[in-house]
N, C-alpha and C. Protein backbone atom coordinates (compact mmCIF):
# COMPACT_ATOMS: atom_id res chain seq x y z
N MET A 1 42.50 27.78 -2.13
CA MET A 1 42.20 28.58 -0.91
C MET A 1 41.63 28.11 0.32
N MET A 2 42.40 28.37 1.28
CA MET A 2 42.25 27.80 2.64
C MET A 2 40.95 28.88 3.13
N SER A 3 39.43 28.15 3.70
CA SER A 3 38.91 28.58 4.55
C SER A 3 39.35 29.47 5.72
N LYS A 4 38.53 30.37 5.98
CA LYS A 4 38.59 31.06 7.21
C LYS A 4 38.66 29.91 8.12
N LYS A 5 39.50 30.59 9.18
CA LYS A 5 39.24 29.72 10.31
C LYS A 5 38.20 30.64 11.50
N SER A 6 37.44 29.49 12.49
CA SER A 6 36.03 30.46 13.32
C SER A 6 36.72 30.62 14.17
N ILE A 7 36.31 31.59 14.54
CA ILE A 7 36.87 32.15 16.51
C ILE A 7 35.55 32.09 17.12
N TYR A 8 35.69 31.84 18.38
CA TYR A 8 34.62 32.10 19.45
C TYR A 8 35.13 33.13 20.02
N LEU A 9 34.45 34.25 20.07
CA LEU A 9 35.13 35.58 20.79
C LEU A 9 34.44 35.70 22.06
N GLU A 10 35.43 35.31 23.19
CA GLU A 10 34.55 35.62 24.77
C GLU A 10 34.81 36.91 25.21
N THR A 11 33.80 36.94 25.91
CA THR A 11 33.59 38.19 26.73
C THR A 11 34.84 39.42 27.01
N SER A 12 36.04 38.73 27.73
CA SER A 12 36.74 39.44 28.08
C SER A 12 37.76 40.34 26.70
N VAL A 13 37.59 39.81 25.81
CA VAL A 13 37.93 40.34 24.45
C VAL A 13 37.48 41.67 23.78
N ILE A 14 36.09 41.37 24.10
CA ILE A 14 34.91 42.49 23.87
C ILE A 14 35.19 43.58 24.66
N SER A 15 35.07 43.28 26.10
CA SER A 15 35.42 44.22 26.94
C SER A 15 36.71 45.30 26.69
N TYR A 16 38.12 44.36 26.20
CA TYR A 16 39.05 44.88 26.10
C TYR A 16 38.81 46.16 25.13
N LEU A 17 38.16 46.00 23.82
CA LEU A 17 38.00 46.40 22.85
C LEU A 17 36.70 47.65 22.94
N THR A 18 36.34 47.49 24.17
CA THR A 18 35.39 48.62 23.98
C THR A 18 35.50 49.65 25.16
N CYS A 19 36.35 49.15 26.26
CA CYS A 19 36.84 50.17 27.64
C CYS A 19 37.30 51.07 27.45
N LYS A 20 37.11 52.06 28.41
CA LYS A 20 38.56 53.18 28.52
C LYS A 20 39.83 52.83 29.10
N PRO A 21 40.86 53.81 28.46
CA PRO A 21 42.01 53.11 28.47
C PRO A 21 42.71 52.71 30.01
N PRO A 22 42.78 51.62 30.24
CA PRO A 22 43.05 51.12 31.44
C PRO A 22 44.14 51.83 32.07
N LYS A 23 44.59 52.15 33.30
CA LYS A 23 45.96 52.70 34.02
C LYS A 23 46.72 51.60 34.25
N ASP A 24 46.25 50.35 34.75
CA ASP A 24 47.22 49.15 34.64
C ASP A 24 47.84 49.22 33.70
N LEU A 25 49.33 48.82 33.74
CA LEU A 25 50.17 48.66 32.44
C LEU A 25 49.92 47.38 31.78
N VAL A 26 49.51 46.15 32.52
CA VAL A 26 49.34 44.98 31.70
C VAL A 26 47.73 45.14 30.92
N LYS A 27 47.02 45.81 31.79
CA LYS A 27 45.62 45.63 30.78
C LYS A 27 45.60 47.07 30.00
N ALA A 28 46.58 47.95 29.88
CA ALA A 28 46.36 48.76 28.74
C ALA A 28 47.31 47.96 27.74
N ALA A 29 48.34 47.14 27.89
CA ALA A 29 48.73 46.47 27.20
C ALA A 29 47.93 45.66 26.08
N ARG A 30 47.27 44.50 27.12
CA ARG A 30 46.47 43.72 26.66
C ARG A 30 45.22 44.70 25.67
N GLN A 31 45.02 45.66 26.11
CA GLN A 31 43.85 46.77 25.25
C GLN A 31 44.54 46.96 23.81
N LYS A 32 45.60 47.35 23.66
CA LYS A 32 46.41 47.77 22.83
C LYS A 32 46.61 46.71 21.55
N LEU A 33 46.76 45.31 22.15
CA LEU A 33 47.41 44.38 21.29
C LEU A 33 45.84 43.82 20.94
N THR A 34 45.04 43.74 21.66
CA THR A 34 43.64 43.59 20.88
C THR A 34 43.05 44.41 20.08
N MET A 35 42.84 45.67 20.49
CA MET A 35 42.43 46.64 18.97
C MET A 35 43.65 46.41 17.94
N SER A 36 44.98 46.30 18.23
CA SER A 36 45.50 45.94 16.73
C SER A 36 45.18 44.67 16.22
N TRP A 37 44.64 43.25 16.91
CA TRP A 37 44.48 42.34 16.21
C TRP A 37 42.86 43.03 15.57
N TRP A 38 42.28 43.74 16.16
CA TRP A 38 40.82 43.81 15.83
C TRP A 38 40.86 44.57 14.39
N GLU A 39 42.24 45.55 14.43
CA GLU A 39 42.40 46.41 13.30
C GLU A 39 42.84 45.90 11.99
N THR A 40 43.88 45.03 12.18
CA THR A 40 44.83 44.20 11.47
C THR A 40 44.41 42.90 10.92
N LYS A 41 43.90 41.82 11.92
CA LYS A 41 43.40 40.52 11.45
C LYS A 41 42.32 40.08 11.83
N ARG A 42 41.38 40.52 11.98
CA ARG A 42 40.00 40.01 12.65
C ARG A 42 39.14 39.25 11.12
N HIS A 43 40.11 40.19 10.00
CA HIS A 43 38.97 40.03 8.94
C HIS A 43 39.33 38.55 8.13
N ASP A 44 40.78 38.31 8.95
CA ASP A 44 41.23 36.62 8.56
C ASP A 44 40.47 35.22 9.08
N PHE A 45 39.40 35.89 9.92
CA PHE A 45 38.69 34.85 10.56
C PHE A 45 37.48 35.06 10.63
N LYS A 46 36.54 34.06 10.89
CA LYS A 46 34.83 34.17 10.98
C LYS A 46 35.07 34.22 12.35
N LEU A 47 34.05 35.40 12.88
CA LEU A 47 33.93 35.41 14.35
C LEU A 47 32.43 35.21 14.48
N PHE A 48 32.18 34.78 15.77
CA PHE A 48 30.99 34.40 16.18
C PHE A 48 30.86 34.53 17.99
N ILE A 49 29.76 35.18 18.20
CA ILE A 49 29.54 35.11 19.98
C ILE A 49 28.55 34.05 20.16
N SER A 50 27.94 34.08 21.53
CA SER A 50 26.76 33.14 22.07
C SER A 50 26.07 34.44 22.91
N GLN A 51 25.12 33.81 23.16
CA GLN A 51 24.14 34.51 24.38
C GLN A 51 24.62 34.50 25.15
N SER A 52 25.83 33.71 25.72
CA SER A 52 26.57 33.98 27.37
C SER A 52 27.41 35.10 27.21
N VAL A 53 27.96 35.61 25.91
CA VAL A 53 28.70 36.67 25.67
C VAL A 53 27.79 37.85 25.77
N ILE A 54 26.69 37.93 25.08
CA ILE A 54 25.70 39.02 25.33
C ILE A 54 25.23 38.94 26.93
N ALA A 55 25.04 37.85 27.44
CA ALA A 55 24.76 37.78 29.03
C ALA A 55 25.86 38.70 29.95
N GLU A 56 26.83 38.22 29.61
CA GLU A 56 28.13 38.87 30.38
C GLU A 56 28.12 40.64 29.82
N ALA A 57 28.31 40.51 28.61
CA ALA A 57 28.56 41.86 28.24
C ALA A 57 27.41 43.22 29.02
N SER A 58 26.33 42.37 29.49
CA SER A 58 25.03 43.43 29.98
C SER A 58 25.48 43.77 31.14
N VAL A 59 26.08 42.89 31.80
CA VAL A 59 26.21 43.18 33.28
C VAL A 59 27.36 44.42 33.72
N GLY A 60 27.37 45.08 34.77
CA GLY A 60 28.04 46.16 35.25
C GLY A 60 27.74 47.93 34.94
N ASP A 61 28.58 48.40 34.95
CA ASP A 61 28.29 49.80 34.52
C ASP A 61 27.28 50.02 33.55
N PRO A 62 26.17 50.56 33.14
CA PRO A 62 25.30 50.42 32.24
C PRO A 62 25.71 51.35 30.94
N GLN A 63 26.80 52.37 31.16
CA GLN A 63 26.91 53.02 29.64
C GLN A 63 28.23 51.87 29.21
N ALA A 64 29.19 51.44 30.12
CA ALA A 64 30.26 50.49 29.35
C ALA A 64 29.33 49.06 28.91
N ALA A 65 28.21 48.75 29.60
CA ALA A 65 27.43 47.52 28.65
C ALA A 65 26.83 47.94 28.06
N ALA A 66 26.02 49.73 27.60
CA ALA A 66 25.62 49.28 26.35
C ALA A 66 26.78 49.68 25.26
N LYS A 67 27.85 50.00 25.24
CA LYS A 67 29.00 50.09 24.43
C LYS A 67 29.46 48.69 24.05
N ARG A 68 29.37 47.91 25.18
CA ARG A 68 29.38 46.53 24.73
C ARG A 68 28.70 45.82 23.88
N LEU A 69 27.20 46.08 23.96
CA LEU A 69 26.56 45.39 23.03
C LEU A 69 26.43 46.09 21.99
N ASP A 70 26.51 47.59 22.19
CA ASP A 70 26.54 48.03 20.66
C ASP A 70 27.32 47.50 19.52
N PHE A 71 28.72 47.16 20.05
CA PHE A 71 29.78 46.61 19.53
C PHE A 71 29.70 45.23 19.19
N ILE A 72 28.97 44.45 19.76
CA ILE A 72 28.56 42.94 19.60
C ILE A 72 27.59 42.68 18.64
N LYS A 73 26.83 43.90 18.11
CA LYS A 73 25.44 43.10 17.81
C LYS A 73 25.38 43.00 16.16
N ARG A 74 26.66 43.38 15.56
CA ARG A 74 26.60 42.80 14.29
C ARG A 74 27.67 41.33 14.12
N ILE A 75 28.10 41.01 15.07
CA ILE A 75 29.00 39.58 15.02
C ILE A 75 27.96 38.50 15.33
N PRO A 76 28.04 37.63 14.61
CA PRO A 76 27.01 36.42 14.33
C PRO A 76 27.01 35.71 15.66
N MET A 77 25.83 35.56 15.84
CA MET A 77 25.47 34.70 17.11
C MET A 77 24.95 32.86 16.91
N VAL A 78 25.81 32.14 17.77
CA VAL A 78 25.68 30.87 17.80
C VAL A 78 24.57 30.23 18.67
N GLU A 79 23.57 29.30 18.34
CA GLU A 79 22.44 28.89 19.38
C GLU A 79 23.15 28.34 20.53
N LEU A 80 22.48 28.16 21.49
CA LEU A 80 23.03 27.36 22.76
C LEU A 80 22.18 26.16 22.78
N LEU A 81 22.67 25.05 22.47
CA LEU A 81 22.28 23.72 21.91
C LEU A 81 22.03 23.01 23.34
N PRO A 82 21.71 22.09 23.51
CA PRO A 82 21.42 21.59 24.86
C PRO A 82 22.72 21.03 25.16
N GLU A 83 23.47 20.50 24.03
CA GLU A 83 25.02 19.46 24.51
C GLU A 83 25.64 20.63 25.07
N SER A 84 25.66 21.81 24.45
CA SER A 84 26.60 23.01 25.27
C SER A 84 26.45 22.84 26.96
N VAL A 85 25.17 22.81 27.37
CA VAL A 85 24.80 23.05 28.53
C VAL A 85 25.01 21.63 29.32
N ASP A 86 24.93 20.64 28.86
CA ASP A 86 25.38 19.56 29.59
C ASP A 86 26.76 19.17 29.59
N LEU A 87 27.57 19.62 28.39
CA LEU A 87 29.19 19.64 28.78
C LEU A 87 29.82 20.72 29.60
N ALA A 88 29.25 22.23 29.61
CA ALA A 88 29.29 22.79 30.49
C ALA A 88 29.20 22.38 32.02
N ASP A 89 28.19 21.73 32.48
CA ASP A 89 28.00 21.27 33.83
C ASP A 89 28.83 19.88 33.78
N PHE A 90 29.39 19.30 33.11
CA PHE A 90 30.07 18.27 33.11
C PHE A 90 31.39 18.70 33.62
N LEU A 91 31.92 20.00 32.75
CA LEU A 91 32.98 20.53 33.19
C LEU A 91 33.38 21.17 34.57
N VAL A 92 32.20 21.87 34.69
CA VAL A 92 32.28 22.16 36.34
C VAL A 92 32.49 21.29 37.30
N ARG A 93 31.57 20.10 37.31
CA ARG A 93 31.93 19.01 37.70
C ARG A 93 33.15 18.03 38.25
N GLN A 94 34.18 18.63 36.78
CA GLN A 94 34.75 17.76 36.48
C GLN A 94 36.41 18.46 36.72
N THR A 95 36.40 19.82 37.09
CA THR A 95 37.24 20.54 37.19
C THR A 95 37.64 21.30 38.16
N PRO A 96 38.50 22.13 38.67
CA PRO A 96 38.56 22.89 40.00
C PRO A 96 37.61 24.52 39.88
N PHE A 97 36.89 24.44 38.32
CA PHE A 97 35.77 25.73 38.21
C PHE A 97 35.06 26.06 39.64
N PRO A 98 35.29 27.02 39.88
CA PRO A 98 34.06 27.17 41.04
C PRO A 98 32.69 27.76 40.24
N GLU A 99 31.53 27.24 41.14
CA GLU A 99 30.40 27.70 40.50
C GLU A 99 30.07 28.93 39.59
N LYS A 100 30.57 29.75 40.50
CA LYS A 100 30.62 31.23 39.54
C LYS A 100 31.08 31.16 38.10
N ALA A 101 31.74 30.34 38.22
CA ALA A 101 32.60 30.25 36.97
C ALA A 101 32.14 29.29 35.69
N LYS A 102 30.70 29.19 35.66
CA LYS A 102 30.16 28.29 35.20
C LYS A 102 29.58 28.83 33.93
N ILE A 103 30.00 30.03 33.70
CA ILE A 103 29.93 30.70 32.38
C ILE A 103 30.93 30.62 31.81
N ASP A 104 32.15 30.16 32.36
CA ASP A 104 33.56 30.37 31.48
C ASP A 104 33.48 28.72 31.11
N ALA A 105 32.89 27.86 31.68
CA ALA A 105 32.82 26.46 31.01
C ALA A 105 31.75 26.82 29.87
N LEU A 106 30.81 27.28 30.11
CA LEU A 106 29.67 27.28 29.35
C LEU A 106 30.48 27.98 28.07
N HIS A 107 31.34 28.75 27.49
CA HIS A 107 32.06 29.43 26.55
C HIS A 107 32.84 28.25 25.91
N ILE A 108 33.83 27.45 27.01
CA ILE A 108 34.47 26.61 26.49
C ILE A 108 33.61 25.42 25.54
N ALA A 109 32.37 25.21 26.52
CA ALA A 109 31.55 23.98 25.89
C ALA A 109 30.84 24.37 24.80
N ILE A 110 30.72 25.61 24.43
CA ILE A 110 29.64 26.35 23.27
C ILE A 110 30.67 26.20 22.10
N ALA A 111 31.96 26.33 22.38
CA ALA A 111 33.52 26.40 21.50
C ALA A 111 33.22 24.97 20.65
N CYS A 112 32.96 24.30 21.75
CA CYS A 112 33.49 22.79 21.28
C CYS A 112 32.05 22.06 20.54
N VAL A 113 31.10 22.48 21.21
CA VAL A 113 29.91 21.90 20.35
C VAL A 113 29.65 22.35 19.13
N ASN A 114 30.09 23.47 18.88
CA ASN A 114 30.05 24.43 17.46
C ASN A 114 31.31 24.20 16.70
N GLU A 115 32.18 23.58 17.32
CA GLU A 115 33.56 23.12 16.52
C GLU A 115 34.24 24.35 15.69
N PHE A 116 34.36 25.21 17.09
CA PHE A 116 35.31 26.16 16.65
C PHE A 116 36.52 25.88 16.59
N ASP A 117 37.30 26.56 15.87
CA ASP A 117 39.23 26.47 15.64
C ASP A 117 39.57 27.00 16.71
N ILE A 118 39.05 28.25 17.23
CA ILE A 118 39.79 28.95 18.10
C ILE A 118 38.81 29.32 19.16
N ILE A 119 39.34 29.60 20.68
CA ILE A 119 38.60 30.48 21.62
C ILE A 119 39.51 31.37 21.88
N LEU A 120 39.05 32.89 21.07
CA LEU A 120 39.89 34.08 21.64
C LEU A 120 39.56 34.95 22.94
N THR A 121 40.40 34.68 23.99
CA THR A 121 40.36 35.45 25.24
C THR A 121 41.29 35.72 26.01
N TRP A 122 40.76 36.43 26.92
CA TRP A 122 42.11 37.08 27.89
C TRP A 122 41.69 36.72 29.60
N ASN A 123 41.02 35.80 29.78
CA ASN A 123 40.52 34.83 30.79
C ASN A 123 41.26 33.92 31.13
N PHE A 124 42.36 34.14 31.97
CA PHE A 124 43.52 33.43 32.50
C PHE A 124 43.34 32.48 33.52
N LYS A 125 42.46 33.10 34.04
CA LYS A 125 41.59 32.01 35.37
C LYS A 125 41.17 30.71 34.91
N HIS A 126 40.09 30.84 34.11
CA HIS A 126 39.47 29.86 34.13
C HIS A 126 39.30 29.17 32.19
N ILE A 127 39.75 29.77 31.35
CA ILE A 127 39.84 29.24 30.15
C ILE A 127 41.07 29.23 29.29
N ALA A 128 42.01 30.21 29.67
CA ALA A 128 43.59 30.04 28.92
C ALA A 128 44.31 29.97 30.30
N ASN A 129 44.22 28.72 30.72
CA ASN A 129 44.75 28.52 31.87
C ASN A 129 45.61 27.29 31.62
N ALA A 130 46.95 27.65 31.65
CA ALA A 130 47.62 26.53 31.17
C ALA A 130 47.62 25.12 32.07
N ARG A 131 47.26 25.45 33.23
CA ARG A 131 47.25 23.85 34.18
C ARG A 131 46.04 23.14 34.10
N LEU A 132 45.14 24.02 33.40
CA LEU A 132 43.71 23.27 33.00
C LEU A 132 43.78 22.69 31.94
N GLN A 133 44.63 23.08 30.67
CA GLN A 133 44.42 22.82 29.50
C GLN A 133 44.59 20.97 29.31
N SER A 134 45.55 20.38 30.07
CA SER A 134 45.46 19.04 29.24
C SER A 134 44.17 18.18 30.16
N ARG A 135 43.62 18.60 31.38
CA ARG A 135 42.50 18.39 31.81
C ARG A 135 41.44 18.54 30.84
N LEU A 136 41.28 19.71 30.76
CA LEU A 136 40.07 19.92 29.78
C LEU A 136 40.10 19.61 28.24
N THR A 137 41.18 19.27 27.86
CA THR A 137 41.26 18.47 26.86
C THR A 137 40.98 17.04 26.79
N SER A 138 41.06 16.65 27.78
CA SER A 138 40.88 15.04 28.12
C SER A 138 38.94 14.90 28.66
N LEU A 139 38.77 15.55 29.15
CA LEU A 139 37.49 15.62 29.77
C LEU A 139 36.33 15.97 28.22
N VAL A 140 36.94 16.97 27.45
CA VAL A 140 36.03 17.36 26.14
C VAL A 140 36.30 16.03 25.39
N GLU A 141 36.81 15.52 24.98
CA GLU A 141 37.45 14.16 24.31
C GLU A 141 36.75 13.31 24.83
N SER A 142 36.59 13.07 26.24
CA SER A 142 35.87 11.55 26.86
C SER A 142 34.25 12.10 26.37
N ARG A 143 33.94 13.02 26.14
CA ARG A 143 32.53 13.42 25.36
C ARG A 143 32.41 13.61 24.16
N GLY A 144 33.57 13.50 23.27
CA GLY A 144 33.09 13.29 21.91
C GLY A 144 33.65 14.62 21.20
N PHE A 145 33.98 15.54 22.06
CA PHE A 145 34.23 16.80 21.43
C PHE A 145 35.62 17.02 21.30
N GLN A 146 36.10 17.93 20.43
CA GLN A 146 37.42 18.21 20.37
C GLN A 146 37.98 19.87 20.91
N LEU A 147 38.57 20.08 21.77
CA LEU A 147 38.87 21.19 22.59
C LEU A 147 39.51 22.15 21.65
N PRO A 148 38.83 23.47 21.28
CA PRO A 148 39.72 24.36 19.97
C PRO A 148 40.75 24.82 20.89
N LYS A 149 41.72 25.54 19.79
CA LYS A 149 42.66 26.30 20.35
C LYS A 149 42.43 27.32 21.23
N ILE A 150 43.09 27.73 22.49
CA ILE A 150 42.80 28.77 22.99
C ILE A 150 43.63 29.71 23.54
N CYS A 151 43.53 30.98 22.64
CA CYS A 151 44.15 32.01 22.81
C CYS A 151 44.24 33.25 23.18
N THR A 152 45.28 34.19 22.90
CA THR A 152 44.63 35.60 23.27
C THR A 152 45.01 36.46 21.88
N PRO A 153 44.58 37.79 21.67
CA PRO A 153 44.65 38.24 20.45
C PRO A 153 46.20 38.40 20.35
N GLU A 154 47.11 38.38 21.10
CA GLU A 154 48.41 38.78 20.87
C GLU A 154 48.98 37.69 20.03
N ILE A 155 48.69 36.57 20.36
CA ILE A 155 49.00 35.33 19.72
C ILE A 155 48.84 35.16 17.94
N LEU A 156 47.33 35.97 17.97
CA LEU A 156 46.98 35.74 16.57
C LEU A 156 47.67 37.08 15.64
N LEU A 157 48.55 37.81 16.47
CA LEU A 157 48.96 39.01 15.73
C LEU A 157 50.40 38.66 15.32
N ILE A 158 50.47 37.34 15.50
CA ILE A 158 52.16 36.73 15.03
C ILE A 158 51.99 36.22 13.84
């Protein structure tokens, strides 16, 4: 029997699982897909978050933040290792990530250092960005790590 693949849950997935139904059609579809994945497929994987996810989930509307934090409290958290911080800093310096996207680089670095199989995200700007994938792969490999597969919940429903 194959062991379950490990997933690093990035904050955008948690947000879609806990937010009010969006009026925007694309966001509403993403929420529906995310909820469908959560209900039908999440048990096929080992799920993890990091302190970075908790930090991001804590900001914004206090009621929404409380809902996100309550939702993730039962998901195992990986430790933030110095290697993750170093790799994130390197990625910010070597890619077109703006300084404010440092937490996105940290999500990627944590997943790489902890050898996750998948990063699950709806963040297309800096994480699931097809234009950055080959560059990220090269940079991560230059530091001795492997970039996990980066995908959305929709892909894992197939």
